[in-house]
Amino acid sequence: MSEAEMNKSFVETFPDLELDKGISDCFQNVKIKGLGIRKKTGKLMVKATADRLIPVSIVEQAESALKSAFSMKVEIKLKFKLDMSIDDIISEYWDSIVYVVNSKAASSRGILNGNRWELKGNNMKIQLATAGCDILKSLGCDRMIEKIIKDAFGERI
């Protein structure tokens, strides 16, 4: 994938994109760091940074709007630059993390919902409300959670 380096806002980069006000507000301060198209898939890749948490469901709506505008698959990869502890970040973003894992591993839906987590140093312990630890591990949900946190927040757990 070749990529153009940028440092424009999302709105400057896509001035004609029609977004609902709530989505537009969330993306107001998002900075585009790079755009590229994957050769194999033809997918538009948008690399960006945000100074506030944006729920995955909102990001998906922006991806959908871009997909409609450009008639191609789109993936927005957000890296968050936040002045918060990783505990606070995960607390606020946990529902989005679970949403992403559930969308990638459908069998995790009933198992991951309603759980509690605890972070001690770089170790996360998730207490499930139901049985299913072995299923989650076999689906790679632990690695998915680690990757989401590393990709979005730059933290290894």
C-alpha atoms as a PDB file:
ATOM      1  CA  MET A   1       0.000   0.000   0.000  1.00  0.00           C
ATOM      2  CA  SER A   2       1.457   3.328  -0.986  1.00  0.00           C
ATOM      3  CA  GLU A   3       0.456   6.092   1.333  1.00  0.00           C
ATOM      4  CA  ALA A   4       0.354   9.863   1.161  1.00  0.00           C
ATOM      5  CA  GLU A   5       1.533  11.607   4.327  1.00  0.00           C
ATOM      6  CA  MET A   6      -0.734  14.351   5.554  1.00  0.00           C
ATOM      7  CA  ASN A   7      -1.596  16.433   8.544  1.00  0.00           C
ATOM      8  CA  LYS A   8      -4.972  17.857   7.646  1.00  0.00           C
ATOM      9  CA  SER A   9      -8.191  17.610   9.571  1.00  0.00           C
ATOM     10  CA  PHE A  10     -10.776  15.024   8.586  1.00  0.00           C
ATOM     11  CA  VAL A  11     -13.112  17.832   7.482  1.00  0.00           C
ATOM     12  CA  GLU A  12     -10.399  19.458   5.316  1.00  0.00           C
ATOM     13  CA  THR A  13      -9.527  16.132   3.743  1.00  0.00           C
ATOM     14  CA  PHE A  14     -13.132  15.197   2.954  1.00  0.00           C
ATOM     15  CA  PRO A  15     -14.893  18.588   2.630  1.00  0.00           C
ATOM     16  CA  ASP A  16     -17.844  17.302   0.597  1.00  0.00           C
ATOM     17  CA  LEU A  17     -18.567  14.292   2.787  1.00  0.00           C
ATOM     18  CA  GLU A  18     -22.035  14.487   4.279  1.00  0.00           C
ATOM     19  CA  LEU A  19     -22.107  13.294   7.876  1.00  0.00           C
ATOM     20  CA  ASP A  20     -24.760  13.552  10.560  1.00  0.00           C
ATOM     21  CA  LYS A  21     -24.035  16.357  13.012  1.00  0.00           C
ATOM     22  CA  GLY A  22     -23.103  13.955  15.822  1.00  0.00           C
ATOM     23  CA  ILE A  23     -20.585  12.133  13.647  1.00  0.00           C
ATOM     24  CA  SER A  24     -19.238  15.378  12.222  1.00  0.00           C
ATOM     25  CA  ASP A  25     -18.754  16.753  15.743  1.00  0.00           C
ATOM     26  CA  CYS A  26     -16.803  13.650  16.769  1.00  0.00           C
ATOM     27  CA  PHE A  27     -14.494  13.981  13.742  1.00  0.00           C
ATOM     28  CA  GLN A  28     -14.017  17.759  14.012  1.00  0.00           C
ATOM     29  CA  ASN A  29     -10.530  17.503  15.566  1.00  0.00           C
ATOM     30  CA  VAL A  30      -9.455  14.249  13.917  1.00  0.00           C
ATOM     31  CA  LYS A  31      -6.177  14.694  12.017  1.00  0.00           C
ATOM     32  CA  ILE A  32      -5.467  12.602   8.930  1.00  0.00           C
ATOM     33  CA  LYS A  33      -1.934  11.215   9.031  1.00  0.00           C
ATOM     34  CA  GLY A  34      -2.068   9.155   5.871  1.00  0.00           C
ATOM     35  CA  LEU A  35      -4.244   7.892   3.051  1.00  0.00           C
ATOM     36  CA  GLY A  36      -3.596   4.844   0.941  1.00  0.00           C
ATOM     37  CA  ILE A  37      -5.220   2.111  -1.073  1.00  0.00           C
ATOM     38  CA  ARG A  38      -4.421  -1.539  -0.456  1.00  0.00           C
ATOM     39  CA  LYS A  39      -3.368  -3.118  -3.729  1.00  0.00           C
ATOM     40  CA  LYS A  40      -4.911  -6.532  -3.043  1.00  0.00           C
ATOM     41  CA  THR A  41      -8.305  -5.376  -1.805  1.00  0.00           C
ATOM     42  CA  GLY A  42      -8.655  -1.883  -3.244  1.00  0.00           C
ATOM     43  CA  LYS A  43      -9.625  -0.702   0.236  1.00  0.00           C
ATOM     44  CA  LEU A  44      -9.097   2.957   1.128  1.00  0.00           C
ATOM     45  CA  MET A  45      -7.064   3.130   4.338  1.00  0.00           C
ATOM     46  CA  VAL A  46      -7.380   6.293   6.410  1.00  0.00           C
ATOM     47  CA  LYS A  47      -4.828   6.659   9.211  1.00  0.00           C
ATOM     48  CA  ALA A  48      -5.758   9.345  11.690  1.00  0.00           C
ATOM     49  CA  THR A  49      -5.279  10.621  15.223  1.00  0.00           C
ATOM     50  CA  ALA A  50      -7.900  11.910  17.620  1.00  0.00           C
ATOM     51  CA  ASP A  51      -7.613  13.832  20.863  1.00  0.00           C
ATOM     52  CA  ARG A  52     -10.843  12.369  22.246  1.00  0.00           C
ATOM     53  CA  LEU A  53     -12.399   8.937  22.336  1.00  0.00           C
ATOM     54  CA  ILE A  54     -14.718   8.156  19.449  1.00  0.00           C
ATOM     55  CA  PRO A  55     -16.941   5.079  19.811  1.00  0.00           C
ATOM     56  CA  VAL A  56     -16.374   2.376  17.204  1.00  0.00           C
ATOM     57  CA  SER A  57     -20.005   2.620  16.107  1.00  0.00           C
ATOM     58  CA  ILE A  58     -19.414   6.285  15.141  1.00  0.00           C
ATOM     59  CA  VAL A  59     -16.213   5.376  13.270  1.00  0.00           C
ATOM     60  CA  GLU A  60     -18.155   2.709  11.370  1.00  0.00           C
ATOM     61  CA  GLN A  61     -20.749   5.295  10.339  1.00  0.00           C
ATOM     62  CA  ALA A  62     -17.982   7.568   9.012  1.00  0.00           C
ATOM     63  CA  GLU A  63     -16.497   4.585   7.149  1.00  0.00           C
ATOM     64  CA  SER A  64     -19.906   3.872   5.646  1.00  0.00           C
ATOM     65  CA  ALA A  65     -20.269   7.488   4.475  1.00  0.00           C
ATOM     66  CA  LEU A  66     -16.813   7.355   2.870  1.00  0.00           C
ATOM     67  CA  LYS A  67     -17.658   4.006   1.269  1.00  0.00           C
ATOM     68  CA  SER A  68     -20.759   5.539  -0.298  1.00  0.00           C
ATOM     69  CA  ALA A  69     -18.883   8.643  -1.455  1.00  0.00           C
ATOM     70  CA  PHE A  70     -15.956   6.755  -3.024  1.00  0.00           C
ATOM     71  CA  SER A  71     -17.668   3.461  -3.977  1.00  0.00           C
ATOM     72  CA  MET A  72     -14.971   1.397  -2.274  1.00  0.00           C
ATOM     73  CA  LYS A  73     -14.350  -0.322   1.028  1.00  0.00           C
ATOM     74  CA  VAL A  74     -12.922   1.991   3.669  1.00  0.00           C
ATOM     75  CA  GLU A  75     -11.109   1.447   6.949  1.00  0.00           C
ATOM     76  CA  ILE A  76     -10.353   4.256   9.375  1.00  0.00           C
ATOM     77  CA  LYS A  77      -7.493   3.425  11.730  1.00  0.00           C
ATOM     78  CA  LEU A  78      -7.606   5.838  14.649  1.00  0.00           C
ATOM     79  CA  LYS A  79      -4.774   6.337  17.083  1.00  0.00           C
ATOM     80  CA  PHE A  80      -5.905   8.230  20.153  1.00  0.00           C
ATOM     81  CA  LYS A  81      -3.692  10.893  21.733  1.00  0.00           C
ATOM     82  CA  LEU A  82      -5.228  11.328  25.167  1.00  0.00           C
ATOM     83  CA  ASP A  83      -4.151  12.886  28.431  1.00  0.00           C
ATOM     84  CA  MET A  84      -5.684  10.080  30.508  1.00  0.00           C
ATOM     85  CA  SER A  85      -4.443   7.028  32.348  1.00  0.00           C
ATOM     86  CA  ILE A  86      -4.816   3.707  30.535  1.00  0.00           C
ATOM     87  CA  ASP A  87      -7.280   2.628  33.271  1.00  0.00           C
ATOM     88  CA  ASP A  88      -9.514   5.613  32.526  1.00  0.00           C
ATOM     89  CA  ILE A  89      -9.185   5.102  28.777  1.00  0.00           C
ATOM     90  CA  ILE A  90     -10.178   1.444  28.973  1.00  0.00           C
ATOM     91  CA  SER A  91     -13.040   2.272  31.347  1.00  0.00           C
ATOM     92  CA  GLU A  92     -14.482   4.722  28.850  1.00  0.00           C
ATOM     93  CA  TYR A  93     -13.708   2.640  25.749  1.00  0.00           C
ATOM     94  CA  TRP A  94     -14.500  -0.854  27.063  1.00  0.00           C
ATOM     95  CA  ASP A  95     -17.877  -1.087  25.313  1.00  0.00           C
ATOM     96  CA  SER A  96     -16.202  -0.297  21.986  1.00  0.00           C
ATOM     97  CA  ILE A  97     -13.484  -2.883  22.631  1.00  0.00           C
ATOM     98  CA  VAL A  98     -16.118  -5.540  23.363  1.00  0.00           C
ATOM     99  CA  TYR A  99     -18.094  -4.424  20.297  1.00  0.00           C
ATOM    100  CA  VAL A 100     -15.057  -4.937  18.023  1.00  0.00           C
ATOM    101  CA  VAL A 101     -14.225  -8.343  19.510  1.00  0.00           C
ATOM    102  CA  ASN A 102     -17.853  -9.468  19.247  1.00  0.00           C
ATOM    103  CA  SER A 103     -18.007  -8.351  15.612  1.00  0.00           C
ATOM    104  CA  LYS A 104     -14.876 -10.381  14.777  1.00  0.00           C
ATOM    105  CA  ALA A 105     -15.731 -13.447  16.864  1.00  0.00           C
ATOM    106  CA  ALA A 106     -19.506 -13.879  16.954  1.00  0.00           C
ATOM    107  CA  SER A 107     -19.288 -16.728  19.486  1.00  0.00           C
ATOM    108  CA  SER A 108     -17.933 -14.281  22.062  1.00  0.00           C
ATOM    109  CA  ARG A 109     -21.128 -12.190  22.206  1.00  0.00           C
ATOM    110  CA  GLY A 110     -22.872 -13.846  25.112  1.00  0.00           C
ATOM    111  CA  ILE A 111     -19.637 -14.542  26.941  1.00  0.00           C
ATOM    112  CA  LEU A 112     -17.975 -11.111  26.865  1.00  0.00           C
ATOM    113  CA  ASN A 113     -21.086  -9.105  27.717  1.00  0.00           C
ATOM    114  CA  GLY A 114     -21.534  -8.089  31.347  1.00  0.00           C
ATOM    115  CA  ASN A 115     -17.977  -8.811  32.441  1.00  0.00           C
ATOM    116  CA  ARG A 116     -15.606  -6.889  34.663  1.00  0.00           C
ATOM    117  CA  TRP A 117     -11.961  -6.198  34.048  1.00  0.00           C
ATOM    118  CA  GLU A 118      -9.026  -5.120  36.179  1.00  0.00           C
ATOM    119  CA  LEU A 119      -5.664  -3.759  35.121  1.00  0.00           C
ATOM    120  CA  LYS A 120      -2.579  -4.329  37.269  1.00  0.00           C
ATOM    121  CA  GLY A 121       0.487  -2.890  35.606  1.00  0.00           C
ATOM    122  CA  ASN A 122       0.442  -4.292  32.083  1.00  0.00           C
ATOM    123  CA  ASN A 123      -1.734  -7.276  32.965  1.00  0.00           C
ATOM    124  CA  MET A 124      -5.466  -7.260  32.357  1.00  0.00           C
ATOM    125  CA  LYS A 125      -7.691  -9.708  34.151  1.00  0.00           C
ATOM    126  CA  ILE A 126     -11.220 -10.127  32.844  1.00  0.00           C
ATOM    127  CA  GLN A 127     -13.797 -11.707  35.118  1.00  0.00           C
ATOM    128  CA  LEU A 128     -16.548 -13.242  33.042  1.00  0.00           C
ATOM    129  CA  ALA A 129     -20.158 -13.172  34.169  1.00  0.00           C
ATOM    130  CA  THR A 130     -20.636 -16.587  32.525  1.00  0.00           C
ATOM    131  CA  ALA A 131     -18.497 -19.593  31.674  1.00  0.00           C
ATOM    132  CA  GLY A 132     -16.603 -19.571  28.405  1.00  0.00           C
ATOM    133  CA  CYS A 133     -12.984 -18.684  29.105  1.00  0.00           C
ATOM    134  CA  ASP A 134     -11.732 -21.573  26.937  1.00  0.00           C
ATOM    135  CA  ILE A 135     -13.971 -20.511  24.047  1.00  0.00           C
ATOM    136  CA  LEU A 136     -12.682 -16.926  24.189  1.00  0.00           C
ATOM    137  CA  LYS A 137      -9.075 -18.106  24.245  1.00  0.00           C
ATOM    138  CA  SER A 138      -9.636 -20.495  21.334  1.00  0.00           C
ATOM    139  CA  LEU A 139     -11.168 -17.612  19.341  1.00  0.00           C
ATOM    140  CA  GLY A 140      -8.133 -15.442  20.128  1.00  0.00           C
ATOM    141  CA  CYS A 141     -10.200 -12.819  21.941  1.00  0.00           C
ATOM    142  CA  ASP A 142      -7.376 -12.130  24.387  1.00  0.00           C
ATOM    143  CA  ARG A 143      -5.022 -11.275  21.519  1.00  0.00           C
ATOM    144  CA  MET A 144      -7.737  -9.179  19.836  1.00  0.00           C
ATOM    145  CA  ILE A 145      -8.169  -7.086  22.989  1.00  0.00           C
ATOM    146  CA  GLU A 146      -4.404  -6.642  23.298  1.00  0.00           C
ATOM    147  CA  LYS A 147      -4.170  -5.561  19.645  1.00  0.00           C
ATOM    148  CA  ILE A 148      -7.061  -3.108  19.889  1.00  0.00           C
ATOM    149  CA  ILE A 149      -5.487  -1.417  22.908  1.00  0.00           C
ATOM    150  CA  LYS A 150      -2.017  -1.356  21.344  1.00  0.00           C
ATOM    151  CA  ASP A 151      -3.226  -0.049  17.964  1.00  0.00           C
ATOM    152  CA  ALA A 152      -5.594   2.583  19.338  1.00  0.00           C
ATOM    153  CA  PHE A 153      -3.697   3.764  22.405  1.00  0.00           C
ATOM    154  CA  GLY A 154      -0.095   2.614  21.949  1.00  0.00           C
ATOM    155  CA  GLU A 155      -0.181   0.603  25.197  1.00  0.00           C
ATOM    156  CA  ARG A 156       0.889  -3.007  25.567  1.00  0.00           C
ATOM    157  CA  ILE A 157      -1.099  -5.056  28.034  1.00  0.00           C
END
